[in-house]
Amino acid sequence: MWTKFSSPTLSAPSAANPEARREGTPQIHPPLELPGDAILKNYALPSTRPQEDLEALAHTFSNLLLLIKGDSPFRMGANEEFAAALRGKNRTQLRFLSDTHRAFNAQGQLIDRWDTPLYFHAIARNRVDIRSAGPDRQMWTADDLHRRYDGSFLKGEALNPKSLFQDKEPGRSVR
């Protein structure tokens, strides 16, 4: 089971730790890696694609949901709420991602590889779309990267339909 914190732990002298017994001083153990840190280890690196960033972030949230069971494990909505849930502000106070991870900006928001806050659209408890502003750093433009909850990506004209009431058939509106 994952711990709720990542600070170093001290161990007292014991039969299992003979060096601590010999020296008479506690041994310092490195902090355990948080699950989100492991999943997002390649987040926003030059060696990865932007799509991989959003896939890894979606994977991080799905894993958090598995560990925090219940109908409403954490508040879903604004970027800051998703970020807070990863930092331990969730029903079980489980810390999933370290505060210093490159996925966070100084304001505590989750950001893309271009340092722009991500946009989250919570459709249901386990269905969240994630949108990046893309290289132009302007949200709602043609270079945005939009990962749907089902793992598919929208790009180009599909990103910004002319109307919310637009049907898949050209020239037909749904009302």
N, C-alpha and C. Protein backbone atom coordinates (compact mmCIF):
# COMPACT_ATOMS: atom_id res chain seq x y z
N MET A 1 0.84 -1.18 0.00
CA MET A 1 0.00 0.00 0.00
C MET A 1 0.88 1.23 0.00
N TRP A 2 0.46 2.28 -0.68
CA TRP A 2 1.23 3.50 -0.79
C TRP A 2 1.08 4.33 0.47
N THR A 3 2.14 5.01 0.86
CA THR A 3 2.07 5.86 2.03
C THR A 3 1.47 7.21 1.65
N LYS A 4 1.01 7.92 2.66
CA LYS A 4 0.37 9.22 2.42
C LYS A 4 1.38 10.35 2.40
N PHE A 5 2.66 10.05 2.56
CA PHE A 5 3.67 11.09 2.58
C PHE A 5 4.93 10.55 1.94
N SER A 6 5.85 11.44 1.63
CA SER A 6 7.08 10.99 0.98
C SER A 6 8.33 11.50 1.68
N SER A 7 8.22 11.80 2.97
CA SER A 7 9.40 12.27 3.68
C SER A 7 10.25 11.07 4.09
N PRO A 8 11.54 11.27 4.30
CA PRO A 8 12.40 10.16 4.71
C PRO A 8 11.92 9.58 6.03
N THR A 9 12.14 8.29 6.21
CA THR A 9 11.76 7.63 7.44
C THR A 9 13.01 7.22 8.21
N LEU A 10 12.90 7.20 9.50
CA LEU A 10 14.00 6.79 10.36
C LEU A 10 13.70 5.41 10.90
N SER A 11 14.74 4.59 11.02
CA SER A 11 14.51 3.28 11.63
C SER A 11 15.43 3.16 12.84
N ALA A 12 14.89 2.63 13.89
CA ALA A 12 15.65 2.44 15.11
C ALA A 12 16.48 1.17 14.97
N PRO A 13 17.50 0.99 15.81
CA PRO A 13 18.30 -0.23 15.77
C PRO A 13 17.41 -1.45 16.00
N SER A 14 17.66 -2.50 15.22
CA SER A 14 16.88 -3.73 15.37
C SER A 14 17.70 -4.88 14.83
N ALA A 15 17.22 -6.10 15.03
CA ALA A 15 17.89 -7.27 14.50
C ALA A 15 17.89 -7.23 12.98
N ALA A 16 16.86 -6.66 12.38
CA ALA A 16 16.77 -6.57 10.92
C ALA A 16 17.69 -5.49 10.37
N ASN A 17 18.12 -4.58 11.23
CA ASN A 17 18.98 -3.48 10.80
C ASN A 17 20.20 -3.44 11.72
N PRO A 18 21.13 -4.39 11.54
CA PRO A 18 22.26 -4.49 12.48
C PRO A 18 23.20 -3.29 12.46
N GLU A 19 23.32 -2.61 11.32
CA GLU A 19 24.22 -1.45 11.28
C GLU A 19 23.73 -0.34 12.19
N ALA A 20 22.44 -0.15 12.25
CA ALA A 20 21.89 0.87 13.15
C ALA A 20 22.18 0.48 14.59
N ARG A 21 22.15 -0.84 14.88
CA ARG A 21 22.44 -1.31 16.24
C ARG A 21 23.90 -1.04 16.58
N ARG A 22 24.81 -1.33 15.64
CA ARG A 22 26.22 -1.14 15.90
C ARG A 22 26.57 0.33 16.12
N GLU A 23 26.05 1.16 15.27
CA GLU A 23 26.42 2.56 15.36
C GLU A 23 25.61 3.30 16.41
N GLY A 24 24.48 2.74 16.78
CA GLY A 24 23.65 3.39 17.78
C GLY A 24 22.90 4.60 17.26
N THR A 25 22.89 4.81 15.95
CA THR A 25 22.17 5.95 15.37
C THR A 25 21.12 5.43 14.40
N PRO A 26 20.03 6.14 14.27
CA PRO A 26 18.99 5.71 13.33
C PRO A 26 19.49 5.82 11.89
N GLN A 27 18.96 4.96 11.05
CA GLN A 27 19.29 4.97 9.63
C GLN A 27 18.21 5.74 8.88
N ILE A 28 18.62 6.57 7.91
CA ILE A 28 17.67 7.32 7.10
C ILE A 28 17.43 6.55 5.81
N HIS A 29 16.16 6.33 5.50
CA HIS A 29 15.78 5.65 4.27
C HIS A 29 15.24 6.68 3.29
N PRO A 30 15.54 6.53 2.00
CA PRO A 30 15.01 7.49 1.03
C PRO A 30 13.48 7.39 0.96
N PRO A 31 12.82 8.47 0.56
CA PRO A 31 11.36 8.44 0.48
C PRO A 31 10.90 7.48 -0.60
N LEU A 32 9.74 6.91 -0.38
CA LEU A 32 9.13 6.05 -1.39
C LEU A 32 8.66 6.91 -2.55
N GLU A 33 8.75 6.37 -3.76
CA GLU A 33 8.26 7.11 -4.92
C GLU A 33 6.73 7.04 -4.92
N LEU A 34 6.12 8.18 -5.10
CA LEU A 34 4.66 8.23 -5.16
C LEU A 34 4.18 7.62 -6.48
N PRO A 35 2.99 7.03 -6.49
CA PRO A 35 2.50 6.37 -7.71
C PRO A 35 2.43 7.32 -8.91
N GLY A 36 1.95 8.53 -8.70
CA GLY A 36 1.85 9.48 -9.81
C GLY A 36 3.21 9.89 -10.36
N ASP A 37 4.21 9.98 -9.46
CA ASP A 37 5.56 10.30 -9.92
C ASP A 37 6.08 9.20 -10.85
N ALA A 38 5.77 7.96 -10.52
CA ALA A 38 6.21 6.85 -11.36
C ALA A 38 5.50 6.87 -12.71
N ILE A 39 4.20 7.10 -12.70
CA ILE A 39 3.42 7.10 -13.95
C ILE A 39 3.83 8.28 -14.83
N LEU A 40 4.09 9.42 -14.22
CA LEU A 40 4.42 10.64 -14.97
C LEU A 40 5.93 10.91 -15.04
N LYS A 41 6.75 9.88 -14.92
CA LYS A 41 8.20 10.09 -14.91
C LYS A 41 8.71 10.69 -16.22
N ASN A 42 8.04 10.45 -17.34
CA ASN A 42 8.47 11.00 -18.63
C ASN A 42 7.61 12.18 -19.08
N TYR A 43 6.80 12.72 -18.18
CA TYR A 43 5.88 13.79 -18.53
C TYR A 43 6.64 15.01 -19.05
N ALA A 44 6.24 15.48 -20.22
CA ALA A 44 6.76 16.71 -20.83
C ALA A 44 8.27 16.68 -21.12
N LEU A 45 8.81 15.50 -21.28
CA LEU A 45 10.22 15.40 -21.65
C LEU A 45 10.36 15.52 -23.17
N PRO A 46 11.48 16.03 -23.65
CA PRO A 46 11.67 16.16 -25.11
C PRO A 46 11.61 14.81 -25.84
N SER A 47 11.89 13.73 -25.13
CA SER A 47 11.89 12.41 -25.75
C SER A 47 10.50 11.81 -25.92
N THR A 48 9.47 12.49 -25.42
CA THR A 48 8.10 11.98 -25.54
C THR A 48 7.24 12.93 -26.37
N ARG A 49 6.10 12.41 -26.83
CA ARG A 49 5.17 13.21 -27.62
C ARG A 49 4.13 13.84 -26.68
N PRO A 50 3.56 14.97 -27.07
CA PRO A 50 2.54 15.61 -26.23
C PRO A 50 1.34 14.70 -25.95
N GLN A 51 0.98 13.85 -26.91
CA GLN A 51 -0.13 12.92 -26.71
C GLN A 51 0.18 11.96 -25.56
N GLU A 52 1.44 11.57 -25.44
CA GLU A 52 1.84 10.66 -24.36
C GLU A 52 1.67 11.34 -23.00
N ASP A 53 1.89 12.65 -22.95
CA ASP A 53 1.70 13.39 -21.69
C ASP A 53 0.25 13.28 -21.22
N LEU A 54 -0.67 13.52 -22.14
CA LEU A 54 -2.09 13.49 -21.77
C LEU A 54 -2.55 12.07 -21.46
N GLU A 55 -2.00 11.08 -22.17
CA GLU A 55 -2.33 9.69 -21.87
C GLU A 55 -1.84 9.31 -20.48
N ALA A 56 -0.62 9.72 -20.15
CA ALA A 56 -0.06 9.42 -18.82
C ALA A 56 -0.86 10.11 -17.72
N LEU A 57 -1.29 11.35 -17.97
CA LEU A 57 -2.08 12.07 -16.98
C LEU A 57 -3.44 11.38 -16.77
N ALA A 58 -4.06 10.96 -17.86
CA ALA A 58 -5.34 10.22 -17.75
C ALA A 58 -5.13 8.92 -16.99
N HIS A 59 -4.03 8.24 -17.25
CA HIS A 59 -3.69 7.00 -16.54
C HIS A 59 -3.49 7.27 -15.04
N THR A 60 -2.89 8.39 -14.73
CA THR A 60 -2.68 8.78 -13.33
C THR A 60 -4.02 8.96 -12.62
N PHE A 61 -4.95 9.66 -13.27
CA PHE A 61 -6.27 9.86 -12.65
C PHE A 61 -7.04 8.56 -12.51
N SER A 62 -6.96 7.68 -13.50
CA SER A 62 -7.69 6.41 -13.40
C SER A 62 -7.12 5.56 -12.26
N ASN A 63 -5.81 5.61 -12.04
CA ASN A 63 -5.22 4.88 -10.92
C ASN A 63 -5.61 5.49 -9.59
N LEU A 64 -5.67 6.80 -9.52
CA LEU A 64 -6.11 7.46 -8.30
C LEU A 64 -7.55 7.05 -7.97
N LEU A 65 -8.40 7.00 -8.99
CA LEU A 65 -9.79 6.59 -8.77
C LEU A 65 -9.89 5.15 -8.26
N LEU A 66 -8.99 4.29 -8.71
CA LEU A 66 -9.00 2.90 -8.23
C LEU A 66 -8.68 2.83 -6.74
N LEU A 67 -7.80 3.69 -6.29
CA LEU A 67 -7.39 3.66 -4.89
C LEU A 67 -8.35 4.40 -3.97
N ILE A 68 -8.99 5.43 -4.50
CA ILE A 68 -9.95 6.20 -3.71
C ILE A 68 -11.34 5.79 -4.17
N LYS A 69 -11.87 4.83 -3.51
CA LYS A 69 -13.15 4.27 -3.94
C LYS A 69 -14.32 5.14 -3.47
N GLY A 70 -15.47 4.88 -4.05
CA GLY A 70 -16.67 5.59 -3.65
C GLY A 70 -17.28 6.36 -4.80
N ASP A 71 -18.46 6.88 -4.57
CA ASP A 71 -19.18 7.61 -5.62
C ASP A 71 -18.52 8.93 -5.98
N SER A 72 -17.98 9.62 -5.01
CA SER A 72 -17.32 10.90 -5.30
C SER A 72 -16.01 10.96 -4.53
N PRO A 73 -14.96 10.34 -5.10
CA PRO A 73 -13.69 10.28 -4.37
C PRO A 73 -13.00 11.63 -4.22
N PHE A 74 -13.22 12.53 -5.16
CA PHE A 74 -12.68 13.88 -5.06
C PHE A 74 -13.50 14.79 -5.94
N ARG A 75 -13.38 16.09 -5.69
CA ARG A 75 -14.12 17.08 -6.48
C ARG A 75 -13.55 17.12 -7.89
N MET A 76 -14.42 17.07 -8.86
CA MET A 76 -13.98 17.13 -10.25
C MET A 76 -14.51 18.42 -10.86
N GLY A 77 -13.67 19.12 -11.55
CA GLY A 77 -14.10 20.34 -12.19
C GLY A 77 -12.93 21.13 -12.70
N ALA A 78 -12.54 22.12 -11.93
CA ALA A 78 -11.46 23.01 -12.35
C ALA A 78 -10.11 22.31 -12.22
N ASN A 79 -9.16 22.82 -12.96
CA ASN A 79 -7.79 22.32 -12.95
C ASN A 79 -7.28 22.21 -11.50
N GLU A 80 -7.50 23.24 -10.72
CA GLU A 80 -7.00 23.27 -9.35
C GLU A 80 -7.56 22.14 -8.50
N GLU A 81 -8.79 21.72 -8.77
CA GLU A 81 -9.39 20.62 -8.02
C GLU A 81 -8.74 19.28 -8.37
N PHE A 82 -8.44 19.08 -9.64
CA PHE A 82 -7.74 17.86 -10.04
C PHE A 82 -6.33 17.85 -9.46
N ALA A 83 -5.65 18.99 -9.52
CA ALA A 83 -4.30 19.10 -8.97
C ALA A 83 -4.30 18.83 -7.47
N ALA A 84 -5.26 19.39 -6.76
CA ALA A 84 -5.36 19.19 -5.31
C ALA A 84 -5.59 17.72 -4.97
N ALA A 85 -6.41 17.04 -5.75
CA ALA A 85 -6.67 15.62 -5.51
C ALA A 85 -5.39 14.81 -5.62
N LEU A 86 -4.55 15.14 -6.60
CA LEU A 86 -3.28 14.43 -6.76
C LEU A 86 -2.32 14.73 -5.61
N ARG A 87 -2.47 15.89 -5.00
CA ARG A 87 -1.60 16.29 -3.89
C ARG A 87 -2.11 15.83 -2.54
N GLY A 88 -3.17 15.05 -2.51
CA GLY A 88 -3.65 14.49 -1.25
C GLY A 88 -4.92 15.12 -0.72
N LYS A 89 -5.48 16.09 -1.43
CA LYS A 89 -6.74 16.69 -0.98
C LYS A 89 -7.88 15.91 -1.64
N ASN A 90 -8.04 14.70 -1.14
CA ASN A 90 -9.08 13.80 -1.61
C ASN A 90 -9.68 13.12 -0.40
N ARG A 91 -10.66 12.30 -0.60
CA ARG A 91 -11.40 11.71 0.51
C ARG A 91 -10.52 10.92 1.47
N THR A 92 -9.53 10.23 0.96
CA THR A 92 -8.66 9.42 1.82
C THR A 92 -7.34 10.11 2.16
N GLN A 93 -7.15 11.32 1.69
CA GLN A 93 -5.93 12.10 1.90
C GLN A 93 -4.70 11.37 1.38
N LEU A 94 -4.87 10.62 0.31
CA LEU A 94 -3.78 9.89 -0.33
C LEU A 94 -3.01 10.82 -1.25
N ARG A 95 -1.74 11.01 -0.95
CA ARG A 95 -0.87 11.84 -1.80
C ARG A 95 -0.42 10.96 -2.95
N PHE A 96 -0.67 11.41 -4.18
CA PHE A 96 -0.41 10.60 -5.36
C PHE A 96 0.72 11.17 -6.22
N LEU A 97 0.97 12.48 -6.13
CA LEU A 97 1.98 13.14 -6.95
C LEU A 97 2.70 14.18 -6.09
N SER A 98 4.01 14.22 -6.19
CA SER A 98 4.77 15.16 -5.35
C SER A 98 4.53 16.60 -5.79
N ASP A 99 4.58 17.50 -4.83
CA ASP A 99 4.34 18.92 -5.08
C ASP A 99 5.33 19.53 -6.06
N THR A 100 6.50 18.97 -6.15
CA THR A 100 7.55 19.53 -6.99
C THR A 100 7.57 18.93 -8.40
N HIS A 101 6.60 18.11 -8.73
CA HIS A 101 6.59 17.48 -10.06
C HIS A 101 6.44 18.54 -11.16
N ARG A 102 7.08 18.32 -12.29
CA ARG A 102 7.05 19.29 -13.40
C ARG A 102 5.66 19.44 -14.02
N ALA A 103 4.71 18.61 -13.63
CA ALA A 103 3.34 18.74 -14.13
C ALA A 103 2.61 19.91 -13.46
N PHE A 104 3.18 20.48 -12.39
CA PHE A 104 2.56 21.60 -11.67
C PHE A 104 3.29 22.90 -11.96
N ASN A 105 2.54 24.00 -12.02
CA ASN A 105 3.16 25.32 -12.08
C ASN A 105 3.19 25.91 -10.67
N ALA A 106 3.71 27.10 -10.53
CA ALA A 106 3.85 27.74 -9.22
C ALA A 106 2.49 28.03 -8.56
N GLN A 107 1.42 28.13 -9.37
CA GLN A 107 0.09 28.38 -8.84
C GLN A 107 -0.63 27.09 -8.45
N GLY A 108 0.03 25.95 -8.60
CA GLY A 108 -0.57 24.68 -8.22
C GLY A 108 -1.48 24.09 -9.28
N GLN A 109 -1.40 24.57 -10.50
CA GLN A 109 -2.21 24.03 -11.59
C GLN A 109 -1.43 22.97 -12.34
N LEU A 110 -2.15 22.05 -12.96
CA LEU A 110 -1.53 21.08 -13.85
C LEU A 110 -1.31 21.75 -15.20
N ILE A 111 -0.11 21.61 -15.73
CA ILE A 111 0.25 22.31 -16.97
C ILE A 111 0.72 21.31 -18.04
N ASP A 112 0.70 21.78 -19.28
CA ASP A 112 1.20 20.97 -20.38
C ASP A 112 2.69 21.26 -20.57
N ARG A 113 3.29 20.67 -21.57
CA ARG A 113 4.73 20.84 -21.82
C ARG A 113 5.10 22.25 -22.24
N TRP A 114 4.10 23.07 -22.58
CA TRP A 114 4.35 24.46 -22.95
C TRP A 114 4.04 25.41 -21.80
N ASP A 115 3.92 24.86 -20.59
CA ASP A 115 3.67 25.62 -19.35
C ASP A 115 2.32 26.32 -19.32
N THR A 116 1.36 25.79 -20.04
CA THR A 116 0.01 26.36 -20.07
C THR A 116 -0.91 25.47 -19.23
N PRO A 117 -1.75 26.05 -18.36
CA PRO A 117 -2.67 25.22 -17.58
C PRO A 117 -3.57 24.38 -18.49
N LEU A 118 -3.77 23.14 -18.08
CA LEU A 118 -4.64 22.22 -18.81
C LEU A 118 -6.09 22.53 -18.50
N TYR A 119 -6.96 22.15 -19.41
CA TYR A 119 -8.41 22.30 -19.23
C TYR A 119 -8.98 20.89 -19.05
N PHE A 120 -9.80 20.72 -18.02
CA PHE A 120 -10.43 19.43 -17.75
C PHE A 120 -11.94 19.56 -17.91
N HIS A 121 -12.53 18.60 -18.58
CA HIS A 121 -13.98 18.54 -18.71
C HIS A 121 -14.43 17.20 -18.14
N ALA A 122 -14.98 17.25 -16.92
CA ALA A 122 -15.45 16.04 -16.25
C ALA A 122 -16.84 15.70 -16.77
N ILE A 123 -16.94 14.62 -17.50
CA ILE A 123 -18.21 14.17 -18.05
C ILE A 123 -18.93 13.29 -17.03
N ALA A 124 -18.17 12.48 -16.34
CA ALA A 124 -18.68 11.61 -15.28
C ALA A 124 -17.50 11.29 -14.36
N ARG A 125 -17.76 10.54 -13.30
CA ARG A 125 -16.73 10.21 -12.32
C ARG A 125 -15.48 9.64 -12.98
N ASN A 126 -15.65 8.75 -13.93
CA ASN A 126 -14.50 8.11 -14.57
C ASN A 126 -14.35 8.49 -16.05
N ARG A 127 -14.92 9.61 -16.43
CA ARG A 127 -14.83 10.10 -17.81
C ARG A 127 -14.45 11.57 -17.80
N VAL A 128 -13.16 11.81 -18.09
CA VAL A 128 -12.64 13.17 -18.06
C VAL A 128 -11.87 13.43 -19.36
N ASP A 129 -12.25 14.48 -20.04
CA ASP A 129 -11.49 14.95 -21.21
C ASP A 129 -10.42 15.91 -20.72
N ILE A 130 -9.24 15.85 -21.36
CA ILE A 130 -8.12 16.73 -21.00
C ILE A 130 -7.70 17.47 -22.26
N ARG A 131 -7.56 18.78 -22.13
CA ARG A 131 -7.19 19.60 -23.29
C ARG A 131 -5.97 20.45 -22.99
N SER A 132 -5.02 20.43 -23.93
CA SER A 132 -3.82 21.24 -23.87
C SER A 132 -3.94 22.35 -24.91
N ALA A 133 -3.44 23.53 -24.59
CA ALA A 133 -3.49 24.66 -25.53
C ALA A 133 -2.54 24.48 -26.70
N GLY A 134 -1.62 23.54 -26.61
CA GLY A 134 -0.71 23.30 -27.71
C GLY A 134 0.43 24.30 -27.76
N PRO A 135 1.25 24.19 -28.81
CA PRO A 135 2.45 25.03 -28.90
C PRO A 135 2.20 26.53 -28.97
N ASP A 136 1.02 26.95 -29.45
CA ASP A 136 0.77 28.41 -29.52
C ASP A 136 0.34 28.98 -28.17
N ARG A 137 0.12 28.11 -27.19
CA ARG A 137 -0.26 28.49 -25.82
C ARG A 137 -1.57 29.25 -25.74
N GLN A 138 -2.39 29.13 -26.76
CA GLN A 138 -3.72 29.76 -26.79
C GLN A 138 -4.78 28.66 -26.82
N MET A 139 -5.62 28.65 -25.81
CA MET A 139 -6.68 27.64 -25.76
C MET A 139 -7.73 27.92 -26.82
N TRP A 140 -8.33 26.87 -27.35
CA TRP A 140 -9.42 26.90 -28.31
C TRP A 140 -8.96 27.31 -29.71
N THR A 141 -7.73 26.92 -30.07
CA THR A 141 -7.23 27.15 -31.42
C THR A 141 -6.96 25.78 -32.07
N ALA A 142 -6.67 25.79 -33.36
CA ALA A 142 -6.54 24.55 -34.13
C ALA A 142 -5.36 23.67 -33.72
N ASP A 143 -4.38 24.22 -33.00
CA ASP A 143 -3.25 23.36 -32.62
C ASP A 143 -3.43 22.73 -31.24
N ASP A 144 -4.58 22.94 -30.61
CA ASP A 144 -4.84 22.33 -29.30
C ASP A 144 -4.77 20.81 -29.42
N LEU A 145 -4.50 20.19 -28.31
CA LEU A 145 -4.49 18.74 -28.22
C LEU A 145 -5.56 18.34 -27.22
N HIS A 146 -6.53 17.57 -27.66
CA HIS A 146 -7.68 17.23 -26.83
C HIS A 146 -7.78 15.71 -26.73
N ARG A 147 -7.56 15.18 -25.52
CA ARG A 147 -7.71 13.74 -25.28
C ARG A 147 -9.07 13.51 -24.67
N ARG A 148 -9.85 12.71 -25.37
CA ARG A 148 -11.18 12.36 -24.86
C ARG A 148 -11.06 11.26 -23.83
N TYR A 149 -12.10 11.12 -23.01
CA TYR A 149 -12.11 10.12 -21.95
C TYR A 149 -11.93 8.69 -22.48
N ASP A 150 -12.30 8.44 -23.74
CA ASP A 150 -12.19 7.10 -24.31
C ASP A 150 -10.81 6.82 -24.90
N GLY A 151 -9.88 7.77 -24.79
CA GLY A 151 -8.53 7.58 -25.29
C GLY A 151 -8.29 8.12 -26.68
N SER A 152 -9.35 8.55 -27.35
CA SER A 152 -9.18 9.11 -28.69
C SER A 152 -8.76 10.58 -28.57
N PHE A 153 -8.22 11.10 -29.67
CA PHE A 153 -7.78 12.49 -29.71
C PHE A 153 -8.54 13.24 -30.78
N LEU A 154 -8.87 14.50 -30.48
CA LEU A 154 -9.49 15.39 -31.47
C LEU A 154 -8.42 16.36 -31.95
N LYS A 155 -8.48 16.69 -33.23
CA LYS A 155 -7.54 17.68 -33.76
C LYS A 155 -8.17 18.41 -34.92
N GLY A 156 -7.54 19.51 -35.29
CA GLY A 156 -8.02 20.29 -36.42
C GLY A 156 -9.42 20.84 -36.22
N GLU A 157 -10.27 20.72 -37.25
CA GLU A 157 -11.63 21.26 -37.19
C GLU A 157 -12.50 20.57 -36.14
N ALA A 158 -12.21 19.32 -35.84
CA ALA A 158 -13.01 18.60 -34.84
C ALA A 158 -12.84 19.17 -33.44
N LEU A 159 -11.77 19.93 -33.22
CA LEU A 159 -11.53 20.53 -31.90
C LEU A 159 -12.56 21.59 -31.54
N ASN A 160 -12.93 22.40 -32.50
CA ASN A 160 -13.78 23.55 -32.23
C ASN A 160 -14.94 23.59 -33.22
N PRO A 161 -15.99 22.80 -32.96
CA PRO A 161 -17.13 22.83 -33.88
C PRO A 161 -17.74 24.23 -33.92
N LYS A 162 -18.29 24.56 -35.06
CA LYS A 162 -18.88 25.90 -35.22
C LYS A 162 -20.07 26.11 -34.31
N SER A 163 -20.74 25.03 -33.94
CA SER A 163 -21.90 25.14 -33.08
C SER A 163 -21.94 23.95 -32.13
N LEU A 164 -22.38 24.20 -30.92
CA LEU A 164 -22.56 23.10 -29.98
C LEU A 164 -23.71 22.20 -30.41
N PHE A 165 -24.57 22.72 -31.26
CA PHE A 165 -25.72 21.95 -31.72
C PHE A 165 -25.47 21.31 -33.07
N GLN A 166 -24.23 21.26 -33.49
CA GLN A 166 -23.90 20.72 -34.79
C GLN A 166 -23.96 19.19 -34.77
N ASP A 167 -24.62 18.63 -35.74
CA ASP A 167 -24.71 17.19 -35.90
C ASP A 167 -23.54 16.74 -36.77
N LYS A 168 -23.33 15.42 -36.85
CA LYS A 168 -22.26 14.89 -37.68
C LYS A 168 -22.53 15.09 -39.16
N GLU A 169 -23.79 15.25 -39.55
CA GLU A 169 -24.12 15.48 -40.95
C GLU A 169 -23.95 16.96 -41.27
N PRO A 170 -23.19 17.28 -42.33
CA PRO A 170 -22.99 18.70 -42.66
C PRO A 170 -24.31 19.41 -42.96
N GLY A 171 -24.42 20.63 -42.46
CA GLY A 171 -25.59 21.45 -42.74
C GLY A 171 -26.79 21.14 -41.88
N ARG A 172 -26.73 20.17 -41.00
CA ARG A 172 -27.88 19.81 -40.16
C ARG A 172 -27.59 20.17 -38.72
N SER A 173 -28.49 20.85 -38.07
CA SER A 173 -28.36 21.21 -36.66
C SER A 173 -29.29 20.35 -35.82
N VAL A 174 -28.89 20.12 -34.60
CA VAL A 174 -29.70 19.36 -33.66
C VAL A 174 -30.25 20.33 -32.63
N ARG A 175 -31.54 20.30 -32.39
CA ARG A 175 -32.16 21.19 -31.39
C ARG A 175 -33.02 20.41 -30.46
